[in-house]
């Protein structure tokens, strides 16, 4: 899937971004498509160690969106997206900054691109193979690689944080370690496909000071 989505000269950018962001967060598809670097969303800022999957103004419901640690791979993508966002004139920034986007514009879901990918890769196309399969598969992988149940439940938003966690945000160390192992193996199996440049190596975090700030 990663190799397919990362193929150069193909219009698969939104699918590629979706795959990488899901791998780094194990989030529900709707939450992944909701990730933005725009400051008014209050989800993430340059250099931040955490990302809030629940943007400002959205009321938490039974499908909780947690505050998560930012893995190095996700930081690479977020920093690059922020550079592109800040390079826009201020009047052009409205509606921009989405990590999963199509030529800069947000996408509601990747269902069509996902279905096209399954057909191209000759994979099953039944209902159980829709995008949320990735979340379930990743949860199984990290659990089998040593992620503690308590950490995994919190990381995936399956439980509300306790009063203690409200003041001491969990870092979910066992999930982070297991995900790091998964990402390393994916990088070996599909060299470069996890990265924006498809070079096989993570780029240094962009220097935001070099971005010309409009206005």
C-alpha atoms as a PDB file:
ATOM      1  CA  UNK A   1       0.000   0.000   0.000  1.00  0.00           C
ATOM      2  CA  UNK A   2       2.768   2.430   0.930  1.00  0.00           C
ATOM      3  CA  UNK A   3       4.736   1.728  -2.238  1.00  0.00           C
ATOM      4  CA  UNK A   4       1.604   2.178  -4.340  1.00  0.00           C
ATOM      5  CA  UNK A   5       0.633   5.447  -2.662  1.00  0.00           C
ATOM      6  CA  UNK A   6       4.175   6.852  -2.800  1.00  0.00           C
ATOM      7  CA  UNK A   7       4.746   6.220  -6.516  1.00  0.00           C
ATOM      8  CA  UNK A   8       6.157   9.379  -8.122  1.00  0.00           C
ATOM      9  CA  UNK A   9       4.098  11.273 -10.717  1.00  0.00           C
ATOM     10  CA  UNK A  10       0.837   9.785  -9.451  1.00  0.00           C
ATOM     11  CA  UNK A  11      -2.103  11.640  -7.947  1.00  0.00           C
ATOM     12  CA  UNK A  12      -2.024   9.633  -4.761  1.00  0.00           C
ATOM     13  CA  UNK A  13      -0.785  12.261  -2.352  1.00  0.00           C
ATOM     14  CA  UNK A  14      -3.871  12.292  -0.139  1.00  0.00           C
ATOM     15  CA  UNK A  15      -3.811   8.492   0.169  1.00  0.00           C
ATOM     16  CA  UNK A  16      -0.084   8.540   0.939  1.00  0.00           C
ATOM     17  CA  UNK A  17      -0.568  11.139   3.658  1.00  0.00           C
ATOM     18  CA  UNK A  18      -3.495   9.196   5.095  1.00  0.00           C
ATOM     19  CA  UNK A  19      -1.486   5.987   5.327  1.00  0.00           C
ATOM     20  CA  UNK A  20       1.486   7.613   7.038  1.00  0.00           C
ATOM     21  CA  UNK A  21      -0.638   9.618   9.484  1.00  0.00           C
ATOM     22  CA  UNK A  22      -2.654   6.522  10.424  1.00  0.00           C
ATOM     23  CA  UNK A  23       0.516   4.503  10.991  1.00  0.00           C
ATOM     24  CA  UNK A  24       1.835   7.222  13.313  1.00  0.00           C
ATOM     25  CA  UNK A  25      -1.392   7.737  15.286  1.00  0.00           C
ATOM     26  CA  UNK A  26      -3.513   4.556  14.912  1.00  0.00           C
ATOM     27  CA  UNK A  27      -6.385   7.040  14.730  1.00  0.00           C
ATOM     28  CA  UNK A  28      -9.820   6.601  13.230  1.00  0.00           C
ATOM     29  CA  UNK A  29     -10.016   7.626   9.554  1.00  0.00           C
ATOM     30  CA  UNK A  30     -12.128  10.700  10.317  1.00  0.00           C
ATOM     31  CA  UNK A  31      -9.626  11.908  12.932  1.00  0.00           C
ATOM     32  CA  UNK A  32      -6.705  11.384  10.546  1.00  0.00           C
ATOM     33  CA  UNK A  33      -8.415  13.473   7.849  1.00  0.00           C
ATOM     34  CA  UNK A  34      -9.003  16.156  10.495  1.00  0.00           C
ATOM     35  CA  UNK A  35      -5.315  16.742  11.325  1.00  0.00           C
ATOM     36  CA  UNK A  36      -4.222  20.289  10.555  1.00  0.00           C
ATOM     37  CA  UNK A  37      -1.227  22.500  11.272  1.00  0.00           C
ATOM     38  CA  UNK A  38      -3.300  25.687  11.081  1.00  0.00           C
ATOM     39  CA  UNK A  39      -2.796  27.644  14.344  1.00  0.00           C
ATOM     40  CA  UNK A  40      -6.516  28.244  14.887  1.00  0.00           C
ATOM     41  CA  UNK A  41      -7.076  24.490  15.177  1.00  0.00           C
ATOM     42  CA  UNK A  42      -4.822  24.241  18.265  1.00  0.00           C
ATOM     43  CA  UNK A  43      -3.766  20.699  17.345  1.00  0.00           C
ATOM     44  CA  UNK A  44      -0.025  21.043  16.870  1.00  0.00           C
ATOM     45  CA  UNK A  45       2.629  23.735  16.640  1.00  0.00           C
ATOM     46  CA  UNK A  46       6.225  23.827  15.421  1.00  0.00           C
ATOM     47  CA  UNK A  47       8.448  21.646  17.604  1.00  0.00           C
ATOM     48  CA  UNK A  48       5.603  20.413  19.816  1.00  0.00           C
ATOM     49  CA  UNK A  49       6.014  16.935  21.286  1.00  0.00           C
ATOM     50  CA  UNK A  50       2.288  16.218  21.209  1.00  0.00           C
ATOM     51  CA  UNK A  51      -0.610  16.499  18.795  1.00  0.00           C
ATOM     52  CA  UNK A  52      -4.235  16.906  19.862  1.00  0.00           C
ATOM     53  CA  UNK A  53      -6.469  14.860  17.588  1.00  0.00           C
ATOM     54  CA  UNK A  54      -9.457  16.744  19.015  1.00  0.00           C
ATOM     55  CA  UNK A  55      -9.319  20.202  17.401  1.00  0.00           C
ATOM     56  CA  UNK A  56     -10.467  23.351  19.166  1.00  0.00           C
ATOM     57  CA  UNK A  57     -14.245  23.633  19.156  1.00  0.00           C
ATOM     58  CA  UNK A  58     -14.979  19.944  18.698  1.00  0.00           C
ATOM     59  CA  UNK A  59     -16.795  18.400  21.652  1.00  0.00           C
ATOM     60  CA  UNK A  60     -15.452  15.020  22.740  1.00  0.00           C
ATOM     61  CA  UNK A  61     -17.914  12.166  22.299  1.00  0.00           C
ATOM     62  CA  UNK A  62     -17.743   8.421  22.921  1.00  0.00           C
ATOM     63  CA  UNK A  63     -15.243   8.150  20.070  1.00  0.00           C
ATOM     64  CA  UNK A  64     -12.557  10.026  21.937  1.00  0.00           C
ATOM     65  CA  UNK A  65      -9.707  11.781  20.183  1.00  0.00           C
ATOM     66  CA  UNK A  66      -6.638  11.698  22.436  1.00  0.00           C
ATOM     67  CA  UNK A  67      -3.573  13.871  22.888  1.00  0.00           C
ATOM     68  CA  UNK A  68      -0.705  11.832  21.452  1.00  0.00           C
ATOM     69  CA  UNK A  69       3.085  11.982  21.360  1.00  0.00           C
ATOM     70  CA  UNK A  70       4.412  13.021  17.950  1.00  0.00           C
ATOM     71  CA  UNK A  71       6.576  10.295  16.450  1.00  0.00           C
ATOM     72  CA  UNK A  72       9.637  11.495  14.476  1.00  0.00           C
ATOM     73  CA  UNK A  73       8.085  10.376  11.183  1.00  0.00           C
ATOM     74  CA  UNK A  74       4.912  12.337  11.836  1.00  0.00           C
ATOM     75  CA  UNK A  75       6.962  15.364  12.904  1.00  0.00           C
ATOM     76  CA  UNK A  76       8.704  15.265   9.522  1.00  0.00           C
ATOM     77  CA  UNK A  77       5.377  15.489   7.695  1.00  0.00           C
ATOM     78  CA  UNK A  78       3.863  18.092  10.014  1.00  0.00           C
ATOM     79  CA  UNK A  79       6.903  20.371   9.833  1.00  0.00           C
ATOM     80  CA  UNK A  80       6.938  20.205   6.038  1.00  0.00           C
ATOM     81  CA  UNK A  81       3.222  20.956   5.876  1.00  0.00           C
ATOM     82  CA  UNK A  82       3.663  23.917   8.211  1.00  0.00           C
ATOM     83  CA  UNK A  83       6.411  25.333   5.992  1.00  0.00           C
ATOM     84  CA  UNK A  84       4.057  25.186   3.008  1.00  0.00           C
ATOM     85  CA  UNK A  85       1.255  26.750   5.034  1.00  0.00           C
ATOM     86  CA  UNK A  86       3.385  29.663   6.262  1.00  0.00           C
ATOM     87  CA  UNK A  87       4.718  30.271   2.765  1.00  0.00           C
ATOM     88  CA  UNK A  88       1.204  31.197   1.632  1.00  0.00           C
ATOM     89  CA  UNK A  89       0.046  34.820   1.781  1.00  0.00           C
ATOM     90  CA  UNK A  90      -2.053  35.316   4.910  1.00  0.00           C
ATOM     91  CA  UNK A  91      -5.207  35.861   2.883  1.00  0.00           C
ATOM     92  CA  UNK A  92      -4.700  32.480   1.193  1.00  0.00           C
ATOM     93  CA  UNK A  93      -4.297  30.426   4.372  1.00  0.00           C
ATOM     94  CA  UNK A  94      -7.993  29.998   5.147  1.00  0.00           C
ATOM     95  CA  UNK A  95      -8.959  26.365   4.611  1.00  0.00           C
ATOM     96  CA  UNK A  96      -5.352  25.252   4.224  1.00  0.00           C
ATOM     97  CA  UNK A  97      -2.894  23.420   6.481  1.00  0.00           C
ATOM     98  CA  UNK A  98      -4.532  19.990   6.362  1.00  0.00           C
ATOM     99  CA  UNK A  99      -2.097  17.100   6.507  1.00  0.00           C
ATOM    100  CA  UNK A 100      -4.341  14.881   4.396  1.00  0.00           C
ATOM    101  CA  UNK A 101      -5.185  17.099   1.450  1.00  0.00           C
ATOM    102  CA  UNK A 102      -5.675  17.137  -2.296  1.00  0.00           C
ATOM    103  CA  UNK A 103      -3.667  19.952  -3.842  1.00  0.00           C
ATOM    104  CA  UNK A 104      -3.890  21.827  -0.552  1.00  0.00           C
ATOM    105  CA  UNK A 105      -7.604  21.356   0.018  1.00  0.00           C
ATOM    106  CA  UNK A 106      -9.074  19.135   2.752  1.00  0.00           C
ATOM    107  CA  UNK A 107     -10.606  15.775   1.965  1.00  0.00           C
ATOM    108  CA  UNK A 108     -13.537  14.300   3.851  1.00  0.00           C
ATOM    109  CA  UNK A 109     -12.287  10.743   3.402  1.00  0.00           C
ATOM    110  CA  UNK A 110     -10.060   8.642   1.170  1.00  0.00           C
ATOM    111  CA  UNK A 111     -12.672   5.994   0.391  1.00  0.00           C
ATOM    112  CA  UNK A 112     -12.485   6.362  -3.394  1.00  0.00           C
ATOM    113  CA  UNK A 113      -8.681   6.363  -3.495  1.00  0.00           C
ATOM    114  CA  UNK A 114      -8.668   3.428  -1.083  1.00  0.00           C
ATOM    115  CA  UNK A 115     -11.046   1.384  -3.271  1.00  0.00           C
ATOM    116  CA  UNK A 116      -8.948   2.148  -6.360  1.00  0.00           C
ATOM    117  CA  UNK A 117      -5.833   1.016  -4.512  1.00  0.00           C
ATOM    118  CA  UNK A 118      -7.393  -2.281  -3.396  1.00  0.00           C
ATOM    119  CA  UNK A 119      -8.474  -3.022  -6.965  1.00  0.00           C
ATOM    120  CA  UNK A 120      -5.043  -2.110  -8.382  1.00  0.00           C
ATOM    121  CA  UNK A 121      -3.292  -4.335  -5.838  1.00  0.00           C
ATOM    122  CA  UNK A 122      -5.815  -7.140  -6.385  1.00  0.00           C
ATOM    123  CA  UNK A 123      -6.790  -7.129  -2.722  1.00  0.00           C
ATOM    124  CA  UNK A 124     -10.235  -7.975  -1.272  1.00  0.00           C
ATOM    125  CA  UNK A 125     -12.763  -5.162  -1.583  1.00  0.00           C
ATOM    126  CA  UNK A 126     -15.471  -6.179   0.892  1.00  0.00           C
ATOM    127  CA  UNK A 127     -16.814  -3.913   3.618  1.00  0.00           C
ATOM    128  CA  UNK A 128     -14.355  -5.322   6.160  1.00  0.00           C
ATOM    129  CA  UNK A 129     -11.507  -4.011   3.961  1.00  0.00           C
ATOM    130  CA  UNK A 130     -12.442  -0.348   4.235  1.00  0.00           C
ATOM    131  CA  UNK A 131      -9.880   2.205   5.585  1.00  0.00           C
ATOM    132  CA  UNK A 132     -10.579   1.468   9.263  1.00  0.00           C
ATOM    133  CA  UNK A 133      -8.950  -1.924   8.669  1.00  0.00           C
ATOM    134  CA  UNK A 134      -5.608  -0.144   8.929  1.00  0.00           C
ATOM    135  CA  UNK A 135      -6.358   1.041  12.465  1.00  0.00           C
ATOM    136  CA  UNK A 136      -7.385  -2.440  13.560  1.00  0.00           C
ATOM    137  CA  UNK A 137      -4.345  -4.055  11.948  1.00  0.00           C
ATOM    138  CA  UNK A 138      -1.943  -1.575  13.540  1.00  0.00           C
ATOM    139  CA  UNK A 139      -3.522  -2.117  16.945  1.00  0.00           C
ATOM    140  CA  UNK A 140      -2.939  -5.856  16.577  1.00  0.00           C
ATOM    141  CA  UNK A 141       0.657  -5.348  15.453  1.00  0.00           C
ATOM    142  CA  UNK A 142       1.652  -3.069  18.321  1.00  0.00           C
ATOM    143  CA  UNK A 143      -0.135  -5.227  20.905  1.00  0.00           C
ATOM    144  CA  UNK A 144       1.756  -8.274  19.653  1.00  0.00           C
ATOM    145  CA  UNK A 145       4.998  -6.264  19.865  1.00  0.00           C
ATOM    146  CA  UNK A 146       4.645  -5.553  23.540  1.00  0.00           C
ATOM    147  CA  UNK A 147       2.349  -2.531  23.837  1.00  0.00           C
ATOM    148  CA  UNK A 148       0.630  -2.572  27.218  1.00  0.00           C
ATOM    149  CA  UNK A 149      -3.142  -2.794  27.091  1.00  0.00           C
ATOM    150  CA  UNK A 150      -3.513   0.349  29.246  1.00  0.00           C
ATOM    151  CA  UNK A 151      -1.225   2.342  26.961  1.00  0.00           C
ATOM    152  CA  UNK A 152      -2.917   1.096  23.802  1.00  0.00           C
ATOM    153  CA  UNK A 153      -6.419   1.881  25.057  1.00  0.00           C
ATOM    154  CA  UNK A 154      -5.395   5.431  25.879  1.00  0.00           C
ATOM    155  CA  UNK A 155      -3.480   5.900  22.626  1.00  0.00           C
ATOM    156  CA  UNK A 156      -6.483   4.788  20.582  1.00  0.00           C
ATOM    157  CA  UNK A 157      -9.016   6.829  22.548  1.00  0.00           C
ATOM    158  CA  UNK A 158     -10.831   3.786  23.865  1.00  0.00           C
ATOM    159  CA  UNK A 159     -11.008   5.176  27.374  1.00  0.00           C
ATOM    160  CA  UNK A 160     -11.277   8.601  28.973  1.00  0.00           C
ATOM    161  CA  UNK A 161      -8.170   9.758  30.847  1.00  0.00           C
ATOM    162  CA  UNK A 162      -8.237   9.517  34.612  1.00  0.00           C
ATOM    163  CA  UNK A 163      -7.970  12.579  36.828  1.00  0.00           C
ATOM    164  CA  UNK A 164      -4.262  11.815  37.265  1.00  0.00           C
ATOM    165  CA  UNK A 165      -3.731  11.697  33.513  1.00  0.00           C
ATOM    166  CA  UNK A 166      -5.506  15.022  33.112  1.00  0.00           C
ATOM    167  CA  UNK A 167      -2.571  16.644  34.904  1.00  0.00           C
ATOM    168  CA  UNK A 168       0.132  14.209  33.797  1.00  0.00           C
ATOM    169  CA  UNK A 169      -0.511  13.376  30.153  1.00  0.00           C
ATOM    170  CA  UNK A 170       0.445   9.791  29.426  1.00  0.00           C
ATOM    171  CA  UNK A 171       3.306   9.297  27.001  1.00  0.00           C
ATOM    172  CA  UNK A 172       2.184   5.761  26.071  1.00  0.00           C
ATOM    173  CA  UNK A 173       5.812   4.515  26.006  1.00  0.00           C
ATOM    174  CA  UNK A 174       5.051   0.897  25.143  1.00  0.00           C
ATOM    175  CA  UNK A 175       2.931   1.933  22.154  1.00  0.00           C
ATOM    176  CA  UNK A 176       5.584   4.382  20.960  1.00  0.00           C
ATOM    177  CA  UNK A 177       8.253   1.668  21.153  1.00  0.00           C
ATOM    178  CA  UNK A 178       6.086  -0.859  19.324  1.00  0.00           C
ATOM    179  CA  UNK A 179       5.116   1.640  16.637  1.00  0.00           C
ATOM    180  CA  UNK A 180       8.761   2.538  16.171  1.00  0.00           C
ATOM    181  CA  UNK A 181       9.443  -1.133  15.487  1.00  0.00           C
ATOM    182  CA  UNK A 182       6.589  -1.312  12.969  1.00  0.00           C
ATOM    183  CA  UNK A 183       7.762   1.833  11.183  1.00  0.00           C
ATOM    184  CA  UNK A 184      11.337   0.551  10.999  1.00  0.00           C
ATOM    185  CA  UNK A 185      10.152  -2.688   9.430  1.00  0.00           C
ATOM    186  CA  UNK A 186       7.924  -0.865   6.930  1.00  0.00           C
ATOM    187  CA  UNK A 187      10.854   1.346   5.991  1.00  0.00           C
ATOM    188  CA  UNK A 188      12.901  -1.768   5.310  1.00  0.00           C
ATOM    189  CA  UNK A 189      10.164  -3.482   3.289  1.00  0.00           C
ATOM    190  CA  UNK A 190       9.215  -0.379   1.288  1.00  0.00           C
ATOM    191  CA  UNK A 191      12.310   1.853   1.254  1.00  0.00           C
ATOM    192  CA  UNK A 192      11.453   5.545   1.140  1.00  0.00           C
ATOM    193  CA  UNK A 193       7.702   5.022   0.910  1.00  0.00           C
ATOM    194  CA  UNK A 194       7.053   6.437   4.379  1.00  0.00           C
ATOM    195  CA  UNK A 195       8.647   9.769   3.545  1.00  0.00           C
ATOM    196  CA  UNK A 196       7.445  12.747   1.532  1.00  0.00           C
ATOM    197  CA  UNK A 197      10.507  12.788  -0.710  1.00  0.00           C
ATOM    198  CA  UNK A 198      10.517   8.987  -1.275  1.00  0.00           C
ATOM    199  CA  UNK A 199      14.302   8.957  -0.917  1.00  0.00           C
ATOM    200  CA  UNK A 200      14.474   6.225   1.680  1.00  0.00           C
ATOM    201  CA  UNK A 201      15.656   8.532   4.433  1.00  0.00           C
ATOM    202  CA  UNK A 202      13.894  10.997   6.637  1.00  0.00           C
ATOM    203  CA  UNK A 203      14.691  14.602   5.804  1.00  0.00           C
ATOM    204  CA  UNK A 204      15.898  16.989   8.491  1.00  0.00           C
ATOM    205  CA  UNK A 205      13.118  19.052  10.021  1.00  0.00           C
ATOM    206  CA  UNK A 206      12.637  22.184   7.882  1.00  0.00           C
ATOM    207  CA  UNK A 207      14.053  25.416   9.246  1.00  0.00           C
ATOM    208  CA  UNK A 208      11.017  27.616   9.701  1.00  0.00           C
ATOM    209  CA  UNK A 209      13.226  30.675  10.052  1.00  0.00           C
ATOM    210  CA  UNK A 210      14.035  30.350   6.375  1.00  0.00           C
ATOM    211  CA  UNK A 211      10.398  30.680   5.373  1.00  0.00           C
ATOM    212  CA  UNK A 212       9.512  34.143   4.186  1.00  0.00           C
ATOM    213  CA  UNK A 213       6.633  35.317   6.347  1.00  0.00           C
ATOM    214  CA  UNK A 214       4.130  37.353   4.328  1.00  0.00           C
ATOM    215  CA  UNK A 215       2.909  40.697   5.611  1.00  0.00           C
END
